[in-house]
C-alpha atoms as a PDB file:
ATOM      1  CA  MET A   1     -18.005 136.644  -1.807  1.00  0.00           C
ATOM      2  CA  THR A   2     -18.699 133.481   0.175  1.00  0.00           C
ATOM      3  CA  GLN A   3     -17.793 130.548  -1.878  1.00  0.00           C
ATOM      4  CA  LYS A   4     -20.662 128.803  -2.970  1.00  0.00           C
ATOM      5  CA  VAL A   5     -21.451 125.293  -2.245  1.00  0.00           C
ATOM      6  CA  ALA A   6     -22.844 122.334  -3.861  1.00  0.00           C
ATOM      7  CA  LEU A   7     -23.681 119.065  -2.898  1.00  0.00           C
ATOM      8  CA  VAL A   8     -23.753 116.111  -5.820  1.00  0.00           C
ATOM      9  CA  THR A   9     -25.271 112.869  -4.651  1.00  0.00           C
ATOM     10  CA  GLY A  10     -24.293 109.351  -5.839  1.00  0.00           C
ATOM     11  CA  ALA A  11     -20.890 111.219  -6.942  1.00  0.00           C
ATOM     12  CA  ALA A  12     -18.424 108.340  -6.730  1.00  0.00           C
ATOM     13  CA  ARG A  13     -18.580 107.570 -10.492  1.00  0.00           C
ATOM     14  CA  GLY A  14     -20.335 107.932 -13.641  1.00  0.00           C
ATOM     15  CA  ILE A  15     -23.062 111.402 -14.166  1.00  0.00           C
ATOM     16  CA  GLY A  16     -22.552 112.033 -10.727  1.00  0.00           C
ATOM     17  CA  ALA A  17     -18.564 112.258 -10.740  1.00  0.00           C
ATOM     18  CA  ALA A  18     -18.825 114.269 -13.550  1.00  0.00           C
ATOM     19  CA  CYS A  19     -21.075 116.681 -12.130  1.00  0.00           C
ATOM     20  CA  ALA A  20     -18.814 117.044  -8.885  1.00  0.00           C
ATOM     21  CA  VAL A  21     -15.772 117.585 -10.786  1.00  0.00           C
ATOM     22  CA  ALA A  22     -17.648 119.917 -13.409  1.00  0.00           C
ATOM     23  CA  LEU A  23     -18.732 122.208 -10.518  1.00  0.00           C
ATOM     24  CA  GLY A  24     -15.261 122.047  -8.453  1.00  0.00           C
ATOM     25  CA  ARG A  25     -13.561 123.474 -11.283  1.00  0.00           C
ATOM     26  CA  ALA A  26     -16.464 125.982 -11.575  1.00  0.00           C
ATOM     27  CA  GLY A  27     -15.406 127.444  -8.205  1.00  0.00           C
ATOM     28  CA  TYR A  28     -17.648 125.720  -5.887  1.00  0.00           C
ATOM     29  CA  LYS A  29     -16.634 123.883  -2.881  1.00  0.00           C
ATOM     30  CA  VAL A  30     -18.261 120.354  -3.526  1.00  0.00           C
ATOM     31  CA  ALA A  31     -20.009 117.960  -1.258  1.00  0.00           C
ATOM     32  CA  VAL A  32     -19.365 114.318  -2.713  1.00  0.00           C
ATOM     33  CA  HIS A  33     -21.801 112.187  -1.562  1.00  0.00           C
ATOM     34  CA  TYR A  34     -21.214 108.171  -2.297  1.00  0.00           C
ATOM     35  CA  ARG A  35     -22.801 105.279  -0.563  1.00  0.00           C
ATOM     36  CA  SER A  36     -20.035 102.347  -0.621  1.00  0.00           C
ATOM     37  CA  ASP A  37     -17.196 102.941  -2.856  1.00  0.00           C
ATOM     38  CA  GLU A  38     -14.937 105.122  -0.880  1.00  0.00           C
ATOM     39  CA  ALA A  39     -11.623 104.867  -2.959  1.00  0.00           C
ATOM     40  CA  ALA A  40     -13.700 106.233  -5.399  1.00  0.00           C
ATOM     41  CA  ALA A  41     -15.378 109.152  -3.809  1.00  0.00           C
ATOM     42  CA  ARG A  42     -11.838 110.263  -2.620  1.00  0.00           C
ATOM     43  CA  HIS A  43     -10.489 109.955  -5.982  1.00  0.00           C
ATOM     44  CA  ILE A  44     -13.002 112.646  -7.072  1.00  0.00           C
ATOM     45  CA  VAL A  45     -12.167 114.559  -4.177  1.00  0.00           C
ATOM     46  CA  GLU A  46      -8.614 114.660  -5.408  1.00  0.00           C
ATOM     47  CA  GLN A  47      -9.585 115.692  -8.831  1.00  0.00           C
ATOM     48  CA  ILE A  48     -11.181 118.723  -7.775  1.00  0.00           C
ATOM     49  CA  GLY A  49      -8.726 119.950  -5.365  1.00  0.00           C
ATOM     50  CA  ASP A  50      -7.531 119.516  -1.889  1.00  0.00           C
ATOM     51  CA  GLY A  51      -9.846 121.936   0.395  1.00  0.00           C
ATOM     52  CA  GLN A  52     -12.213 122.155  -2.579  1.00  0.00           C
ATOM     53  CA  ALA A  53     -14.343 118.968  -1.964  1.00  0.00           C
ATOM     54  CA  VAL A  54     -15.533 116.763   0.927  1.00  0.00           C
ATOM     55  CA  ALA A  55     -16.511 113.217   0.702  1.00  0.00           C
ATOM     56  CA  PHE A  56     -19.626 112.118   2.840  1.00  0.00           C
ATOM     57  CA  ARG A  57     -21.215 108.585   3.077  1.00  0.00           C
ATOM     58  CA  PHE A  58     -24.605 108.187   3.601  1.00  0.00           C
ATOM     59  CA  ASP A  59     -27.211 105.369   2.716  1.00  0.00           C
ATOM     60  CA  LEU A  60     -29.916 107.758   1.408  1.00  0.00           C
ATOM     61  CA  THR A  61     -32.387 104.695   1.493  1.00  0.00           C
ATOM     62  CA  GLN A  62     -32.285 104.823   5.287  1.00  0.00           C
ATOM     63  CA  GLU A  63     -34.717 106.756   7.777  1.00  0.00           C
ATOM     64  CA  ASN A  64     -33.466 110.471   8.209  1.00  0.00           C
ATOM     65  CA  ALA A  65     -29.968 109.965   6.341  1.00  0.00           C
ATOM     66  CA  CYS A  66     -31.067 112.691   3.726  1.00  0.00           C
ATOM     67  CA  ALA A  67     -31.689 115.205   6.524  1.00  0.00           C
ATOM     68  CA  GLU A  68     -28.598 114.459   8.165  1.00  0.00           C
ATOM     69  CA  LEU A  69     -26.381 114.562   5.359  1.00  0.00           C
ATOM     70  CA  VAL A  70     -27.879 118.396   4.393  1.00  0.00           C
ATOM     71  CA  LYS A  71     -27.248 118.945   8.142  1.00  0.00           C
ATOM     72  CA  VAL A  72     -23.700 117.740   8.117  1.00  0.00           C
ATOM     73  CA  VAL A  73     -22.937 119.469   4.833  1.00  0.00           C
ATOM     74  CA  LYS A  74     -24.242 122.795   5.941  1.00  0.00           C
ATOM     75  CA  ALA A  75     -22.088 122.566   9.238  1.00  0.00           C
ATOM     76  CA  GLU A  76     -18.937 121.461   7.597  1.00  0.00           C
ATOM     77  CA  LEU A  77     -18.902 123.558   4.313  1.00  0.00           C
ATOM     78  CA  GLY A  78     -20.908 126.588   5.724  1.00  0.00           C
ATOM     79  CA  SER A  79     -24.078 126.711   3.222  1.00  0.00           C
ATOM     80  CA  LEU A  80     -25.774 125.052   0.478  1.00  0.00           C
ATOM     81  CA  ASP A  81     -26.229 126.447  -2.242  1.00  0.00           C
ATOM     82  CA  VAL A  82     -26.863 124.159  -5.213  1.00  0.00           C
ATOM     83  CA  LEU A  83     -28.223 120.324  -4.709  1.00  0.00           C
ATOM     84  CA  VAL A  84     -27.598 117.936  -7.528  1.00  0.00           C
ATOM     85  CA  ASN A  85     -29.988 115.158  -6.812  1.00  0.00           C
ATOM     86  CA  ASN A  86     -28.013 112.202  -9.054  1.00  0.00           C
ATOM     87  CA  ALA A  87     -27.704 109.279  -7.138  1.00  0.00           C
ATOM     88  CA  GLY A  88     -30.251 106.298  -7.978  1.00  0.00           C
ATOM     89  CA  LEU A  89     -30.175 102.842  -9.967  1.00  0.00           C
ATOM     90  CA  ALA A  90     -32.336 100.878 -12.203  1.00  0.00           C
ATOM     91  CA  VAL A  91     -33.870  97.524 -12.103  1.00  0.00           C
ATOM     92  CA  ASP A  92     -34.994  96.224 -15.617  1.00  0.00           C
ATOM     93  CA  GLN A  93     -37.656  93.862 -15.799  1.00  0.00           C
ATOM     94  CA  ILE A  94     -40.887  93.266 -18.122  1.00  0.00           C
ATOM     95  CA  LEU A  95     -44.202  94.013 -16.108  1.00  0.00           C
ATOM     96  CA  PRO A  96     -45.608  90.417 -15.650  1.00  0.00           C
ATOM     97  CA  LEU A  97     -42.198  89.560 -13.798  1.00  0.00           C
ATOM     98  CA  ALA A  98     -41.790  92.695 -12.156  1.00  0.00           C
ATOM     99  CA  LYS A  99     -41.424  92.476  -8.146  1.00  0.00           C
ATOM    100  CA  PRO A 100     -43.295  94.664  -5.938  1.00  0.00           C
ATOM    101  CA  SER A 101     -40.085  94.475  -3.761  1.00  0.00           C
ATOM    102  CA  ASP A 102     -37.765  95.719  -6.733  1.00  0.00           C
ATOM    103  CA  PHE A 103     -40.368  98.913  -7.366  1.00  0.00           C
ATOM    104  CA  ASP A 104     -40.248  99.705  -3.675  1.00  0.00           C
ATOM    105  CA  LEU A 105     -36.513  99.658  -4.018  1.00  0.00           C
ATOM    106  CA  LEU A 106     -36.760 102.245  -7.012  1.00  0.00           C
ATOM    107  CA  LEU A 107     -39.427 104.266  -4.989  1.00  0.00           C
ATOM    108  CA  ASN A 108     -36.898 104.386  -1.874  1.00  0.00           C
ATOM    109  CA  THR A 109     -33.788 104.694  -4.091  1.00  0.00           C
ATOM    110  CA  ASN A 110     -34.997 107.392  -6.953  1.00  0.00           C
ATOM    111  CA  LEU A 111     -37.954 109.200  -5.783  1.00  0.00           C
ATOM    112  CA  LYS A 112     -38.147 109.391  -2.187  1.00  0.00           C
ATOM    113  CA  PRO A 113     -34.583 110.655  -1.396  1.00  0.00           C
ATOM    114  CA  VAL A 114     -35.056 113.519  -3.989  1.00  0.00           C
ATOM    115  CA  PHE A 115     -38.230 114.528  -2.109  1.00  0.00           C
ATOM    116  CA  LEU A 116     -36.605 114.407   1.310  1.00  0.00           C
ATOM    117  CA  LEU A 117     -33.238 116.062   0.273  1.00  0.00           C
ATOM    118  CA  ALA A 118     -34.814 118.879  -1.401  1.00  0.00           C
ATOM    119  CA  LYS A 119     -37.296 119.521   1.423  1.00  0.00           C
ATOM    120  CA  ALA A 120     -34.242 119.904   3.647  1.00  0.00           C
ATOM    121  CA  ALA A 121     -32.170 121.824   1.403  1.00  0.00           C
ATOM    122  CA  SER A 122     -34.872 124.294   0.713  1.00  0.00           C
ATOM    123  CA  ARG A 123     -35.020 125.454   4.270  1.00  0.00           C
ATOM    124  CA  ILE A 124     -31.777 126.394   3.866  1.00  0.00           C
ATOM    125  CA  MET A 125     -32.150 127.942   0.708  1.00  0.00           C
ATOM    126  CA  ILE A 126     -35.124 130.068   1.763  1.00  0.00           C
ATOM    127  CA  ARG A 127     -32.979 131.519   4.723  1.00  0.00           C
ATOM    128  CA  GLN A 128     -30.222 132.194   2.211  1.00  0.00           C
ATOM    129  CA  LYS A 129     -32.832 133.611  -0.425  1.00  0.00           C
ATOM    130  CA  GLY A 130     -31.871 131.685  -3.281  1.00  0.00           C
ATOM    131  CA  GLY A 131     -30.246 128.388  -4.511  1.00  0.00           C
ATOM    132  CA  ARG A 132     -30.546 125.708  -7.178  1.00  0.00           C
ATOM    133  CA  ILE A 133     -32.089 122.333  -7.084  1.00  0.00           C
ATOM    134  CA  ILE A 134     -30.980 120.251 -10.056  1.00  0.00           C
ATOM    135  CA  ASN A 135     -32.357 116.748 -10.612  1.00  0.00           C
ATOM    136  CA  ILE A 136     -31.049 114.051 -13.131  1.00  0.00           C
ATOM    137  CA  THR A 137     -34.083 112.112 -14.626  1.00  0.00           C
ATOM    138  CA  SER A 138     -33.767 110.201 -17.945  1.00  0.00           C
ATOM    139  CA  VAL A 139     -35.149 110.110 -21.187  1.00  0.00           C
ATOM    140  CA  VAL A 140     -37.050 106.860 -20.501  1.00  0.00           C
ATOM    141  CA  GLY A 141     -38.987 109.247 -17.987  1.00  0.00           C
ATOM    142  CA  HIS A 142     -40.413 111.091 -20.878  1.00  0.00           C
ATOM    143  CA  THR A 143     -40.766 108.435 -23.835  1.00  0.00           C
ATOM    144  CA  GLY A 144     -41.025 105.066 -21.488  1.00  0.00           C
ATOM    145  CA  ASN A 145     -38.799 101.846 -22.674  1.00  0.00           C
ATOM    146  CA  PRO A 146     -39.582  98.186 -22.876  1.00  0.00           C
ATOM    147  CA  GLY A 147     -38.535  96.399 -19.644  1.00  0.00           C
ATOM    148  CA  GLN A 148     -38.228  99.780 -17.134  1.00  0.00           C
ATOM    149  CA  SER A 149     -41.896 100.568 -16.664  1.00  0.00           C
ATOM    150  CA  MET A 150     -40.774 100.739 -12.866  1.00  0.00           C
ATOM    151  CA  TYR A 151     -37.527 102.969 -13.437  1.00  0.00           C
ATOM    152  CA  ALA A 152     -39.479 105.266 -16.228  1.00  0.00           C
ATOM    153  CA  ALA A 153     -42.023 105.863 -13.490  1.00  0.00           C
ATOM    154  CA  THR A 154     -39.713 107.085 -10.680  1.00  0.00           C
ATOM    155  CA  LYS A 155     -37.942 109.432 -13.362  1.00  0.00           C
ATOM    156  CA  ALA A 156     -40.885 110.666 -14.352  1.00  0.00           C
ATOM    157  CA  ALA A 157     -42.521 111.152 -10.777  1.00  0.00           C
ATOM    158  CA  VAL A 158     -39.292 113.228 -10.250  1.00  0.00           C
ATOM    159  CA  THR A 159     -40.116 115.539 -13.300  1.00  0.00           C
ATOM    160  CA  ALA A 160     -43.758 116.302 -12.059  1.00  0.00           C
ATOM    161  CA  PHE A 161     -42.293 117.211  -8.384  1.00  0.00           C
ATOM    162  CA  THR A 162     -39.531 119.492  -9.673  1.00  0.00           C
ATOM    163  CA  GLN A 163     -42.277 121.307 -11.795  1.00  0.00           C
ATOM    164  CA  SER A 164     -44.130 121.712  -8.743  1.00  0.00           C
ATOM    165  CA  ILE A 165     -41.413 122.951  -6.476  1.00  0.00           C
ATOM    166  CA  ALA A 166     -40.276 125.332  -8.927  1.00  0.00           C
ATOM    167  CA  GLN A 167     -43.797 126.752  -8.654  1.00  0.00           C
ATOM    168  CA  GLU A 168     -43.460 126.939  -4.970  1.00  0.00           C
ATOM    169  CA  PHE A 169     -40.484 128.457  -4.932  1.00  0.00           C
ATOM    170  CA  GLY A 170     -39.948 130.837  -7.793  1.00  0.00           C
ATOM    171  CA  SER A 171     -40.815 134.199  -6.082  1.00  0.00           C
ATOM    172  CA  ILE A 172     -38.063 133.244  -3.136  1.00  0.00           C
ATOM    173  CA  GLY A 173     -35.347 132.824  -5.564  1.00  0.00           C
ATOM    174  CA  ILE A 174     -35.000 129.064  -5.611  1.00  0.00           C
ATOM    175  CA  LEU A 175     -34.924 127.773  -9.135  1.00  0.00           C
ATOM    176  CA  ALA A 176     -35.706 123.786  -9.826  1.00  0.00           C
ATOM    177  CA  ASN A 177     -34.954 122.071 -12.926  1.00  0.00           C
ATOM    178  CA  CYS A 178     -33.862 118.519 -14.306  1.00  0.00           C
ATOM    179  CA  VAL A 179     -31.405 117.368 -16.677  1.00  0.00           C
ATOM    180  CA  ALA A 180     -32.579 114.095 -18.607  1.00  0.00           C
ATOM    181  CA  PRO A 181     -29.674 111.999 -20.053  1.00  0.00           C
ATOM    182  CA  GLY A 182     -30.050 109.445 -23.134  1.00  0.00           C
ATOM    183  CA  PHE A 183     -27.906 106.827 -23.078  1.00  0.00           C
ATOM    184  CA  ILE A 184     -24.521 107.764 -21.775  1.00  0.00           C
ATOM    185  CA  GLU A 185     -21.180 105.857 -21.781  1.00  0.00           C
ATOM    186  CA  THR A 186     -20.606 104.854 -18.027  1.00  0.00           C
ATOM    187  CA  ASP A 187     -19.866 101.611 -16.301  1.00  0.00           C
ATOM    188  CA  MET A 188     -23.594 100.587 -16.750  1.00  0.00           C
ATOM    189  CA  THR A 189     -23.311 100.586 -20.456  1.00  0.00           C
ATOM    190  CA  LYS A 190     -19.700  99.778 -21.183  1.00  0.00           C
ATOM    191  CA  ASP A 191     -20.582  96.058 -21.021  1.00  0.00           C
ATOM    192  CA  LEU A 192     -23.097  95.963 -23.335  1.00  0.00           C
ATOM    193  CA  LYS A 193     -22.965  93.412 -25.889  1.00  0.00           C
ATOM    194  CA  GLU A 194     -22.298  94.786 -29.475  1.00  0.00           C
ATOM    195  CA  GLU A 195     -25.471  93.924 -30.800  1.00  0.00           C
ATOM    196  CA  VAL A 196     -27.515  95.568 -27.726  1.00  0.00           C
ATOM    197  CA  LYS A 197     -25.119  98.748 -28.324  1.00  0.00           C
ATOM    198  CA  GLN A 198     -26.128  99.006 -31.872  1.00  0.00           C
ATOM    199  CA  ALA A 199     -29.651  98.336 -31.291  1.00  0.00           C
ATOM    200  CA  ILE A 200     -29.578 101.853 -28.830  1.00  0.00           C
ATOM    201  CA  LEU A 201     -27.434 103.736 -31.717  1.00  0.00           C
ATOM    202  CA  SER A 202     -30.027 103.341 -34.142  1.00  0.00           C
ATOM    203  CA  ARG A 203     -32.575 105.311 -32.115  1.00  0.00           C
ATOM    204  CA  VAL A 204     -29.860 108.202 -31.530  1.00  0.00           C
ATOM    205  CA  PRO A 205     -29.661 110.630 -34.469  1.00  0.00           C
ATOM    206  CA  LEU A 206     -26.139 111.653 -33.435  1.00  0.00           C
ATOM    207  CA  ARG A 207     -25.289 107.522 -33.712  1.00  0.00           C
ATOM    208  CA  ARG A 208     -23.103 107.583 -30.522  1.00  0.00           C
ATOM    209  CA  LEU A 209     -23.564 107.310 -26.967  1.00  0.00           C
ATOM    210  CA  GLY A 210     -23.304 110.444 -24.647  1.00  0.00           C
ATOM    211  CA  GLN A 211     -20.576 111.379 -22.331  1.00  0.00           C
ATOM    212  CA  ALA A 212     -20.913 112.008 -18.512  1.00  0.00           C
ATOM    213  CA  GLU A 213     -19.063 115.488 -19.093  1.00  0.00           C
ATOM    214  CA  GLU A 214     -21.816 116.646 -21.163  1.00  0.00           C
ATOM    215  CA  VAL A 215     -24.572 115.880 -19.118  1.00  0.00           C
ATOM    216  CA  ALA A 216     -22.416 117.378 -16.456  1.00  0.00           C
ATOM    217  CA  ALA A 217     -22.191 120.754 -18.816  1.00  0.00           C
ATOM    218  CA  ALA A 218     -25.948 121.108 -18.588  1.00  0.00           C
ATOM    219  CA  VAL A 219     -25.913 120.622 -14.407  1.00  0.00           C
ATOM    220  CA  GLU A 220     -23.053 123.512 -14.350  1.00  0.00           C
ATOM    221  CA  PHE A 221     -25.086 125.570 -16.595  1.00  0.00           C
ATOM    222  CA  LEU A 222     -28.104 125.453 -14.699  1.00  0.00           C
ATOM    223  CA  ALA A 223     -26.121 126.136 -11.403  1.00  0.00           C
ATOM    224  CA  SER A 224     -24.820 129.346 -12.806  1.00  0.00           C
ATOM    225  CA  ASP A 225     -26.278 132.699 -13.192  1.00  0.00           C
ATOM    226  CA  LYS A 226     -26.595 132.443 -16.921  1.00  0.00           C
ATOM    227  CA  ALA A 227     -29.680 130.121 -16.138  1.00  0.00           C
ATOM    228  CA  SER A 228     -31.243 132.873 -13.615  1.00  0.00           C
ATOM    229  CA  TYR A 229     -34.432 132.804 -15.471  1.00  0.00           C
ATOM    230  CA  ILE A 230     -34.674 129.161 -16.388  1.00  0.00           C
ATOM    231  CA  THR A 231     -37.096 126.946 -13.760  1.00  0.00           C
ATOM    232  CA  GLY A 232     -39.474 124.055 -13.885  1.00  0.00           C
ATOM    233  CA  THR A 233     -37.888 122.895 -16.917  1.00  0.00           C
ATOM    234  CA  THR A 234     -35.686 119.950 -18.226  1.00  0.00           C
ATOM    235  CA  ILE A 235     -32.602 119.998 -20.589  1.00  0.00           C
ATOM    236  CA  HIS A 236     -32.428 116.684 -22.543  1.00  0.00           C
ATOM    237  CA  VAL A 237     -28.883 115.528 -23.086  1.00  0.00           C
ATOM    238  CA  ASN A 238     -29.768 112.560 -25.569  1.00  0.00           C
ATOM    239  CA  GLY A 239     -28.106 112.946 -28.672  1.00  0.00           C
ATOM    240  CA  GLY A 240     -31.783 113.698 -30.469  1.00  0.00           C
ATOM    241  CA  MET A 241     -33.648 110.679 -29.165  1.00  0.00           C
ATOM    242  CA  PHE A 242     -36.263 113.256 -27.538  1.00  0.00           C
ATOM    243  CA  THR A 243     -36.868 116.750 -28.124  1.00  0.00           C
ATOM    244  CA  SER A 244     -40.281 118.078 -26.726  1.00  0.00           C
END
């Protein structure tokens, strides 16, 4: 059998890096996408193993970058079987002080590339008569969060987008799902003040931050044959914060 290929965006660090490593260890060739930190991306490639991963540098907010990334991955690795849309950012601000330019940035980083990458990848997957599209969203896309209205809006939109394409592609054998992390221990949370961290933990029934590897385990499951009858849904990895 031809080895399957997975593309993980924003894979140089955090949840994306954990997803890339998990898929590599599960036997996939992995396209490790990054925007700026080449050293970190190369480290992830080394972790996965020589010959099993390749790093690709693209700024996905630039015109035509998403289509070009998919094209290059297909050309260099031979196929594209799993797309993990992980790249994103957060800009926190209460609504009266929120800048339209920040909202545009979030739309162009968190939402539009998901649409463009899924569009480009689906053309390959349709010809292959199968594939997986896995979008990383967030618990706040379901619950909301003070100061994160813009970020939450983009993540909720990704969820609705995923549900819609799951219905479009189901008969072709392309499955589309979301994984929605809660508060995960990453570079963004490690420098939080202790009182802020305790306030977060008070909302988490398991009373701890999640690990990136725990999110990656859900992604690996959705990419596997064990999830062959799951599409259009969200797996929540949040320690019990939100369970619907």
